[in-house]
Amino acid sequence: MSDTKNLKVKLFADGADLAGMKEMAANPMIKGFTTNPTLMRKAGIADYKGFARDVLAAIPDRPVSFEVFADDFATMETQALEIASWGKHVNVKIPVTNTKREFSGALVERLSKQRVQLNVTAVMTLDQVKRITERLHADTPAIISVFAGRIADTGRDPVPIMAESVKIMKAKPKAELIWASPRELLNIFQADAIGCHIITATNDILKKLSLVGKDLDGYSLETVEMFYKDASAAGYTIKSREAA
């Protein structure tokens, strides 16, 4: 883990802040971008298509994923075809189910047959990975986003699930697995170790890449110095019992 030069996993940036996306686009290590309606809402995006056009104009050379937001499959399909028309480097995010728990497999199959490059998202089980993989067209590139971070949030180790997902998806060589919702920089190296194709992380995690291989003794000292400076700046004092 001493450097990032030997990483095989591709790093994607996950976010919806245009300035932040441009900042990450200037980093040659970043190979693609993902976003979703929740991130866009938090960023104050009101014009979905207008924002997407701005992103694609700023990032014309790497894959970018935009998500449908309908809950019925007919409208999802219409939205997916529109989003796909925005550029050859666009991946269309389709949720693995709708809010009624209805599996999106038939829609995934139809769109994949039409050569729409999908990113099937919000995936958390091996059964979902198997069912999606079966529906993908062998000649159409696709992504399956397994939310490893959210799996970890439930107290489960996501690494075995991600490793098995890699094996399952070998049935469709043009499909790539994303380690989604990582919680720490270590997840990048875990994803790389199991042969995961992509990991998508927020800017705050990606900015920690400069810490990789950092001397821990020096890091310890910096931490002590930080505590000391902050306590001094706050003017904290503790009176002794005698003084009181």
C-alpha atoms as a PDB file:
ATOM      1  CA  MET A   1       0.000   0.000   0.000  1.00  0.00           C
ATOM      2  CA  SER A   2       3.016   2.285  -0.216  1.00  0.00           C
ATOM      3  CA  ASP A   3       2.008   3.946  -3.481  1.00  0.00           C
ATOM      4  CA  THR A   4      -0.802   4.239  -6.002  1.00  0.00           C
ATOM      5  CA  LYS A   5       1.235   3.669  -9.164  1.00  0.00           C
ATOM      6  CA  ASN A   6       0.494  -0.057  -9.294  1.00  0.00           C
ATOM      7  CA  LEU A   7      -3.248   0.184  -8.773  1.00  0.00           C
ATOM      8  CA  LYS A   8      -5.259  -1.643 -11.426  1.00  0.00           C
ATOM      9  CA  VAL A   9      -8.649  -0.561 -10.121  1.00  0.00           C
ATOM     10  CA  LYS A  10      -9.938   2.549 -11.895  1.00  0.00           C
ATOM     11  CA  LEU A  11     -10.726   5.562  -9.727  1.00  0.00           C
ATOM     12  CA  PHE A  12     -14.000   7.391 -10.384  1.00  0.00           C
ATOM     13  CA  ALA A  13     -15.104  10.574  -8.612  1.00  0.00           C
ATOM     14  CA  ASP A  14     -18.591  10.606  -7.116  1.00  0.00           C
ATOM     15  CA  GLY A  15     -20.315  13.955  -6.661  1.00  0.00           C
ATOM     16  CA  ALA A  16     -22.537  16.673  -8.091  1.00  0.00           C
ATOM     17  CA  ASP A  17     -20.551  19.841  -7.491  1.00  0.00           C
ATOM     18  CA  LEU A  18     -19.420  21.088 -10.893  1.00  0.00           C
ATOM     19  CA  ALA A  19     -16.400  22.924  -9.515  1.00  0.00           C
ATOM     20  CA  GLY A  20     -15.341  19.825  -7.595  1.00  0.00           C
ATOM     21  CA  MET A  21     -15.846  17.641 -10.646  1.00  0.00           C
ATOM     22  CA  LYS A  22     -13.679  19.951 -12.722  1.00  0.00           C
ATOM     23  CA  GLU A  23     -11.024  19.823 -10.017  1.00  0.00           C
ATOM     24  CA  MET A  24     -11.029  16.025 -10.124  1.00  0.00           C
ATOM     25  CA  ALA A  25     -11.031  16.036 -13.931  1.00  0.00           C
ATOM     26  CA  ALA A  26      -7.666  17.811 -13.789  1.00  0.00           C
ATOM     27  CA  ASN A  27      -6.243  14.758 -12.002  1.00  0.00           C
ATOM     28  CA  PRO A  28      -5.152  12.117 -14.549  1.00  0.00           C
ATOM     29  CA  MET A  29      -5.712   9.386 -11.952  1.00  0.00           C
ATOM     30  CA  ILE A  30      -9.472   9.967 -12.142  1.00  0.00           C
ATOM     31  CA  LYS A  31     -10.845   7.816 -14.959  1.00  0.00           C
ATOM     32  CA  GLY A  32     -14.558   8.578 -14.712  1.00  0.00           C
ATOM     33  CA  PHE A  33     -17.401  10.181 -12.792  1.00  0.00           C
ATOM     34  CA  THR A  34     -20.653   9.174 -11.124  1.00  0.00           C
ATOM     35  CA  THR A  35     -23.502  11.161  -9.632  1.00  0.00           C
ATOM     36  CA  ASN A  36     -27.072  10.576  -8.489  1.00  0.00           C
ATOM     37  CA  PRO A  37     -30.252  12.556  -7.739  1.00  0.00           C
ATOM     38  CA  THR A  38     -29.516  12.705  -4.001  1.00  0.00           C
ATOM     39  CA  LEU A  39     -26.083  14.231  -4.545  1.00  0.00           C
ATOM     40  CA  MET A  40     -27.541  16.643  -7.102  1.00  0.00           C
ATOM     41  CA  ARG A  41     -30.282  17.764  -4.711  1.00  0.00           C
ATOM     42  CA  LYS A  42     -27.738  18.312  -1.930  1.00  0.00           C
ATOM     43  CA  ALA A  43     -25.682  20.405  -4.350  1.00  0.00           C
ATOM     44  CA  GLY A  44     -28.723  22.573  -5.109  1.00  0.00           C
ATOM     45  CA  ILE A  45     -29.094  21.436  -8.719  1.00  0.00           C
ATOM     46  CA  ALA A  46     -32.499  22.512 -10.052  1.00  0.00           C
ATOM     47  CA  ASP A  47     -32.039  21.894 -13.797  1.00  0.00           C
ATOM     48  CA  TYR A  48     -31.119  18.212 -14.219  1.00  0.00           C
ATOM     49  CA  LYS A  49     -30.445  18.277 -17.953  1.00  0.00           C
ATOM     50  CA  GLY A  50     -28.726  21.650 -17.827  1.00  0.00           C
ATOM     51  CA  PHE A  51     -26.367  20.407 -15.126  1.00  0.00           C
ATOM     52  CA  ALA A  52     -25.635  17.234 -17.097  1.00  0.00           C
ATOM     53  CA  ARG A  53     -24.840  19.264 -20.211  1.00  0.00           C
ATOM     54  CA  ASP A  54     -22.423  21.444 -18.218  1.00  0.00           C
ATOM     55  CA  VAL A  55     -20.714  18.374 -16.792  1.00  0.00           C
ATOM     56  CA  LEU A  56     -20.348  16.716 -20.181  1.00  0.00           C
ATOM     57  CA  ALA A  57     -18.979  19.903 -21.709  1.00  0.00           C
ATOM     58  CA  ALA A  58     -16.399  20.117 -18.926  1.00  0.00           C
ATOM     59  CA  ILE A  59     -15.594  16.390 -19.007  1.00  0.00           C
ATOM     60  CA  PRO A  60     -15.783  15.209 -22.630  1.00  0.00           C
ATOM     61  CA  ASP A  61     -13.202  12.435 -22.444  1.00  0.00           C
ATOM     62  CA  ARG A  62     -14.199  10.119 -19.572  1.00  0.00           C
ATOM     63  CA  PRO A  63     -17.326   8.136 -18.688  1.00  0.00           C
ATOM     64  CA  VAL A  64     -19.978   9.923 -16.659  1.00  0.00           C
ATOM     65  CA  SER A  65     -23.017   8.240 -15.084  1.00  0.00           C
ATOM     66  CA  PHE A  66     -26.391   9.975 -14.796  1.00  0.00           C
ATOM     67  CA  GLU A  67     -29.409   8.317 -13.201  1.00  0.00           C
ATOM     68  CA  VAL A  68     -33.045   8.014 -14.217  1.00  0.00           C
ATOM     69  CA  PHE A  69     -35.447   9.147 -11.524  1.00  0.00           C
ATOM     70  CA  ALA A  70     -38.838   7.721 -12.527  1.00  0.00           C
ATOM     71  CA  ASP A  71     -40.370   4.870 -10.549  1.00  0.00           C
ATOM     72  CA  ASP A  72     -42.239   3.090 -13.349  1.00  0.00           C
ATOM     73  CA  PHE A  73     -40.249   1.180 -15.928  1.00  0.00           C
ATOM     74  CA  ALA A  74     -41.878   2.736 -18.997  1.00  0.00           C
ATOM     75  CA  THR A  75     -40.872   6.237 -17.920  1.00  0.00           C
ATOM     76  CA  MET A  76     -37.471   4.970 -16.801  1.00  0.00           C
ATOM     77  CA  GLU A  77     -36.922   3.656 -20.315  1.00  0.00           C
ATOM     78  CA  THR A  78     -37.868   6.967 -21.901  1.00  0.00           C
ATOM     79  CA  GLN A  79     -35.537   8.828 -19.538  1.00  0.00           C
ATOM     80  CA  ALA A  80     -32.743   6.314 -20.129  1.00  0.00           C
ATOM     81  CA  LEU A  81     -32.866   6.725 -23.896  1.00  0.00           C
ATOM     82  CA  GLU A  82     -32.823  10.508 -23.535  1.00  0.00           C
ATOM     83  CA  ILE A  83     -29.854  10.432 -21.132  1.00  0.00           C
ATOM     84  CA  ALA A  84     -27.986   8.018 -23.410  1.00  0.00           C
ATOM     85  CA  SER A  85     -28.387  10.482 -26.283  1.00  0.00           C
ATOM     86  CA  TRP A  86     -26.366  13.113 -24.421  1.00  0.00           C
ATOM     87  CA  GLY A  87     -23.031  11.531 -25.303  1.00  0.00           C
ATOM     88  CA  LYS A  88     -21.172   8.345 -26.183  1.00  0.00           C
ATOM     89  CA  HIS A  89     -19.337   8.481 -22.856  1.00  0.00           C
ATOM     90  CA  VAL A  90     -22.560   8.533 -20.809  1.00  0.00           C
ATOM     91  CA  ASN A  91     -23.611   5.598 -18.649  1.00  0.00           C
ATOM     92  CA  VAL A  92     -27.274   5.501 -17.697  1.00  0.00           C
ATOM     93  CA  LYS A  93     -27.899   4.549 -14.081  1.00  0.00           C
ATOM     94  CA  ILE A  94     -30.874   2.249 -13.565  1.00  0.00           C
ATOM     95  CA  PRO A  95     -31.814   1.216 -10.005  1.00  0.00           C
ATOM     96  CA  VAL A  96     -31.857  -2.535  -9.458  1.00  0.00           C
ATOM     97  CA  THR A  97     -35.497  -2.270  -8.376  1.00  0.00           C
ATOM     98  CA  ASN A  98     -38.123   0.432  -8.190  1.00  0.00           C
ATOM     99  CA  THR A  99     -39.642   1.531  -4.880  1.00  0.00           C
ATOM    100  CA  LYS A 100     -42.162  -1.328  -5.129  1.00  0.00           C
ATOM    101  CA  ARG A 101     -39.278  -3.854  -5.057  1.00  0.00           C
ATOM    102  CA  GLU A 102     -39.969  -4.807  -8.658  1.00  0.00           C
ATOM    103  CA  PHE A 103     -36.769  -6.057 -10.304  1.00  0.00           C
ATOM    104  CA  SER A 104     -35.498  -3.921 -13.187  1.00  0.00           C
ATOM    105  CA  GLY A 105     -34.187  -6.903 -15.140  1.00  0.00           C
ATOM    106  CA  ALA A 106     -36.529  -6.665 -18.130  1.00  0.00           C
ATOM    107  CA  LEU A 107     -35.705  -2.986 -18.584  1.00  0.00           C
ATOM    108  CA  VAL A 108     -31.977  -3.676 -18.207  1.00  0.00           C
ATOM    109  CA  GLU A 109     -32.245  -6.362 -20.881  1.00  0.00           C
ATOM    110  CA  ARG A 110     -34.134  -4.140 -23.330  1.00  0.00           C
ATOM    111  CA  LEU A 111     -31.771  -1.203 -22.947  1.00  0.00           C
ATOM    112  CA  SER A 112     -28.642  -3.336 -23.070  1.00  0.00           C
ATOM    113  CA  LYS A 113     -29.856  -4.929 -26.318  1.00  0.00           C
ATOM    114  CA  GLN A 114     -30.257  -1.396 -27.702  1.00  0.00           C
ATOM    115  CA  ARG A 115     -26.560  -0.774 -26.905  1.00  0.00           C
ATOM    116  CA  VAL A 116     -27.349   1.639 -24.062  1.00  0.00           C
ATOM    117  CA  GLN A 117     -24.381   1.579 -21.679  1.00  0.00           C
ATOM    118  CA  LEU A 118     -25.919   1.030 -18.268  1.00  0.00           C
ATOM    119  CA  ASN A 119     -24.816   1.458 -14.691  1.00  0.00           C
ATOM    120  CA  VAL A 120     -27.163  -0.695 -12.637  1.00  0.00           C
ATOM    121  CA  THR A 121     -27.113   0.868  -9.191  1.00  0.00           C
ATOM    122  CA  ALA A 122     -28.106   0.371  -5.532  1.00  0.00           C
ATOM    123  CA  VAL A 123     -27.077  -3.285  -5.716  1.00  0.00           C
ATOM    124  CA  MET A 124     -26.297  -5.026  -2.409  1.00  0.00           C
ATOM    125  CA  THR A 125     -26.724  -8.793  -2.783  1.00  0.00           C
ATOM    126  CA  LEU A 126     -25.081 -11.536  -4.806  1.00  0.00           C
ATOM    127  CA  ASP A 127     -28.485 -12.637  -6.053  1.00  0.00           C
ATOM    128  CA  GLN A 128     -29.000  -9.176  -7.533  1.00  0.00           C
ATOM    129  CA  VAL A 129     -25.568  -9.314  -9.175  1.00  0.00           C
ATOM    130  CA  LYS A 130     -26.378 -12.712 -10.732  1.00  0.00           C
ATOM    131  CA  ARG A 131     -29.773 -11.624 -12.021  1.00  0.00           C
ATOM    132  CA  ILE A 132     -28.416  -8.399 -13.523  1.00  0.00           C
ATOM    133  CA  THR A 133     -25.460 -10.131 -15.154  1.00  0.00           C
ATOM    134  CA  GLU A 134     -27.815 -12.600 -16.826  1.00  0.00           C
ATOM    135  CA  ARG A 135     -29.781  -9.734 -18.372  1.00  0.00           C
ATOM    136  CA  LEU A 136     -26.842  -7.809 -19.832  1.00  0.00           C
ATOM    137  CA  HIS A 137     -26.097  -8.093 -23.540  1.00  0.00           C
ATOM    138  CA  ALA A 138     -22.691  -9.664 -24.029  1.00  0.00           C
ATOM    139  CA  ASP A 139     -21.564  -7.053 -26.559  1.00  0.00           C
ATOM    140  CA  THR A 140     -22.676  -3.942 -24.666  1.00  0.00           C
ATOM    141  CA  PRO A 141     -20.386  -2.392 -22.031  1.00  0.00           C
ATOM    142  CA  ALA A 142     -22.080  -2.046 -18.662  1.00  0.00           C
ATOM    143  CA  ILE A 143     -21.412  -1.365 -15.004  1.00  0.00           C
ATOM    144  CA  ILE A 144     -22.890  -2.924 -11.881  1.00  0.00           C
ATOM    145  CA  SER A 145     -22.581  -0.718  -8.795  1.00  0.00           C
ATOM    146  CA  VAL A 146     -22.501  -2.717  -5.580  1.00  0.00           C
ATOM    147  CA  PHE A 147     -22.784  -0.450  -2.547  1.00  0.00           C
ATOM    148  CA  ALA A 148     -20.004  -2.004  -0.509  1.00  0.00           C
ATOM    149  CA  GLY A 149     -19.937   0.897   1.947  1.00  0.00           C
ATOM    150  CA  ARG A 150     -23.599   0.515   2.786  1.00  0.00           C
ATOM    151  CA  ILE A 151     -23.110  -3.229   3.175  1.00  0.00           C
ATOM    152  CA  ALA A 152     -20.324  -2.468   5.672  1.00  0.00           C
ATOM    153  CA  ASP A 153     -22.646  -0.070   7.500  1.00  0.00           C
ATOM    154  CA  THR A 154     -24.814  -3.081   8.404  1.00  0.00           C
ATOM    155  CA  GLY A 155     -21.917  -4.838  10.136  1.00  0.00           C
ATOM    156  CA  ARG A 156     -21.206  -7.168   7.205  1.00  0.00           C
ATOM    157  CA  ASP A 157     -17.799  -7.530   5.572  1.00  0.00           C
ATOM    158  CA  PRO A 158     -18.277  -6.431   1.934  1.00  0.00           C
ATOM    159  CA  VAL A 159     -15.010  -7.912   0.668  1.00  0.00           C
ATOM    160  CA  PRO A 160     -16.273 -11.501   0.152  1.00  0.00           C
ATOM    161  CA  ILE A 161     -19.400 -10.183  -1.568  1.00  0.00           C
ATOM    162  CA  MET A 162     -17.353  -7.977  -3.881  1.00  0.00           C
ATOM    163  CA  ALA A 163     -14.883 -10.770  -4.646  1.00  0.00           C
ATOM    164  CA  GLU A 164     -17.702 -13.158  -5.539  1.00  0.00           C
ATOM    165  CA  SER A 165     -19.339 -10.450  -7.670  1.00  0.00           C
ATOM    166  CA  VAL A 166     -16.148 -10.211  -9.731  1.00  0.00           C
ATOM    167  CA  LYS A 167     -16.371 -13.962 -10.398  1.00  0.00           C
ATOM    168  CA  ILE A 168     -20.061 -13.841 -11.307  1.00  0.00           C
ATOM    169  CA  MET A 169     -19.563 -10.992 -13.754  1.00  0.00           C
ATOM    170  CA  LYS A 170     -16.874 -12.848 -15.706  1.00  0.00           C
ATOM    171  CA  ALA A 171     -19.801 -14.338 -17.627  1.00  0.00           C
ATOM    172  CA  LYS A 172     -20.122 -10.919 -19.290  1.00  0.00           C
ATOM    173  CA  PRO A 173     -16.543  -9.707 -19.976  1.00  0.00           C
ATOM    174  CA  LYS A 174     -17.700  -6.242 -21.046  1.00  0.00           C
ATOM    175  CA  ALA A 175     -19.376  -5.633 -17.695  1.00  0.00           C
ATOM    176  CA  GLU A 176     -17.434  -3.902 -14.920  1.00  0.00           C
ATOM    177  CA  LEU A 177     -17.981  -3.933 -11.179  1.00  0.00           C
ATOM    178  CA  ILE A 178     -17.986  -0.692  -9.197  1.00  0.00           C
ATOM    179  CA  TRP A 179     -17.174  -0.661  -5.480  1.00  0.00           C
ATOM    180  CA  ALA A 180     -19.648   2.061  -4.546  1.00  0.00           C
ATOM    181  CA  SER A 181     -20.065   4.152  -1.388  1.00  0.00           C
ATOM    182  CA  PRO A 182     -16.560   3.579   0.032  1.00  0.00           C
ATOM    183  CA  ARG A 183     -16.050   4.856   3.552  1.00  0.00           C
ATOM    184  CA  GLU A 184     -12.255   5.201   3.662  1.00  0.00           C
ATOM    185  CA  LEU A 185      -9.201   5.268   1.439  1.00  0.00           C
ATOM    186  CA  LEU A 186      -8.329   1.702   2.467  1.00  0.00           C
ATOM    187  CA  ASN A 187     -11.315   0.544   0.413  1.00  0.00           C
ATOM    188  CA  ILE A 188      -9.435   1.479  -2.770  1.00  0.00           C
ATOM    189  CA  PHE A 189      -6.726  -1.051  -1.963  1.00  0.00           C
ATOM    190  CA  GLN A 190      -9.286  -3.647  -0.916  1.00  0.00           C
ATOM    191  CA  ALA A 191     -11.089  -3.198  -4.221  1.00  0.00           C
ATOM    192  CA  ASP A 192      -7.821  -3.480  -6.116  1.00  0.00           C
ATOM    193  CA  ALA A 193      -6.800  -6.652  -4.270  1.00  0.00           C
ATOM    194  CA  ILE A 194      -9.945  -8.563  -5.288  1.00  0.00           C
ATOM    195  CA  GLY A 195      -9.843  -7.463  -8.921  1.00  0.00           C
ATOM    196  CA  CYS A 196     -12.741  -5.001  -8.756  1.00  0.00           C
ATOM    197  CA  HIS A 197     -12.746  -2.943 -11.947  1.00  0.00           C
ATOM    198  CA  ILE A 198     -13.747   0.477 -10.561  1.00  0.00           C
ATOM    199  CA  ILE A 199     -14.190   2.258  -7.249  1.00  0.00           C
ATOM    200  CA  THR A 200     -16.109   5.520  -7.104  1.00  0.00           C
ATOM    201  CA  ALA A 201     -15.404   7.834  -4.185  1.00  0.00           C
ATOM    202  CA  THR A 202     -16.303  11.316  -3.056  1.00  0.00           C
ATOM    203  CA  ASN A 203     -13.747  14.096  -3.348  1.00  0.00           C
ATOM    204  CA  ASP A 204     -13.009  14.118   0.375  1.00  0.00           C
ATOM    205  CA  ILE A 205     -11.826  10.507   0.172  1.00  0.00           C
ATOM    206  CA  LEU A 206      -9.936  10.967  -3.093  1.00  0.00           C
ATOM    207  CA  LYS A 207      -8.083  13.966  -1.684  1.00  0.00           C
ATOM    208  CA  LYS A 208      -6.548  11.627   0.880  1.00  0.00           C
ATOM    209  CA  LEU A 209      -4.561   9.893  -1.852  1.00  0.00           C
ATOM    210  CA  SER A 210      -1.642  12.160  -0.965  1.00  0.00           C
ATOM    211  CA  LEU A 211      -1.490  10.371   2.408  1.00  0.00           C
ATOM    212  CA  VAL A 212      -0.749   6.967   0.868  1.00  0.00           C
ATOM    213  CA  GLY A 213       2.578   5.691   2.162  1.00  0.00           C
ATOM    214  CA  LYS A 214       2.952   8.564   4.632  1.00  0.00           C
ATOM    215  CA  ASP A 215       5.426   7.941   7.459  1.00  0.00           C
ATOM    216  CA  LEU A 216       3.335   7.064  10.516  1.00  0.00           C
ATOM    217  CA  ASP A 217       5.796   8.443  13.052  1.00  0.00           C
ATOM    218  CA  GLY A 218       5.684  11.784  11.259  1.00  0.00           C
ATOM    219  CA  TYR A 219       1.905  11.574  11.000  1.00  0.00           C
ATOM    220  CA  SER A 220       1.735  10.916  14.741  1.00  0.00           C
ATOM    221  CA  LEU A 221       3.780  14.039  15.430  1.00  0.00           C
ATOM    222  CA  GLU A 222       1.587  16.144  13.114  1.00  0.00           C
ATOM    223  CA  THR A 223      -1.472  14.952  15.016  1.00  0.00           C
ATOM    224  CA  VAL A 224       0.049  15.874  18.375  1.00  0.00           C
ATOM    225  CA  GLU A 225       0.989  19.301  16.983  1.00  0.00           C
ATOM    226  CA  MET A 226      -2.563  19.798  15.718  1.00  0.00           C
ATOM    227  CA  PHE A 227      -4.054  19.058  19.140  1.00  0.00           C
ATOM    228  CA  TYR A 228      -1.563  21.397  20.832  1.00  0.00           C
ATOM    229  CA  LYS A 229      -2.136  24.280  18.397  1.00  0.00           C
ATOM    230  CA  ASP A 230      -5.917  23.984  18.590  1.00  0.00           C
ATOM    231  CA  ALA A 231      -5.904  23.893  22.374  1.00  0.00           C
ATOM    232  CA  SER A 232      -3.620  26.940  22.445  1.00  0.00           C
ATOM    233  CA  ALA A 233      -5.741  28.810  19.896  1.00  0.00           C
ATOM    234  CA  ALA A 234      -8.858  28.089  21.949  1.00  0.00           C
ATOM    235  CA  GLY A 235      -7.164  29.475  25.052  1.00  0.00           C
ATOM    236  CA  TYR A 236      -8.000  26.438  27.156  1.00  0.00           C
ATOM    237  CA  THR A 237      -6.768  26.422  30.745  1.00  0.00           C
ATOM    238  CA  ILE A 238      -7.191  24.051  33.665  1.00  0.00           C
ATOM    239  CA  LYS A 239      -6.852  25.568  37.107  1.00  0.00           C
ATOM    240  CA  SER A 240      -5.227  23.401  39.736  1.00  0.00           C
ATOM    241  CA  ARG A 241      -7.163  22.615  42.894  1.00  0.00           C
ATOM    242  CA  GLU A 242      -4.733  24.738  44.860  1.00  0.00           C
ATOM    243  CA  ALA A 243      -5.294  27.744  42.598  1.00  0.00           C
ATOM    244  CA  ALA A 244      -9.041  27.301  42.822  1.00  0.00           C
END
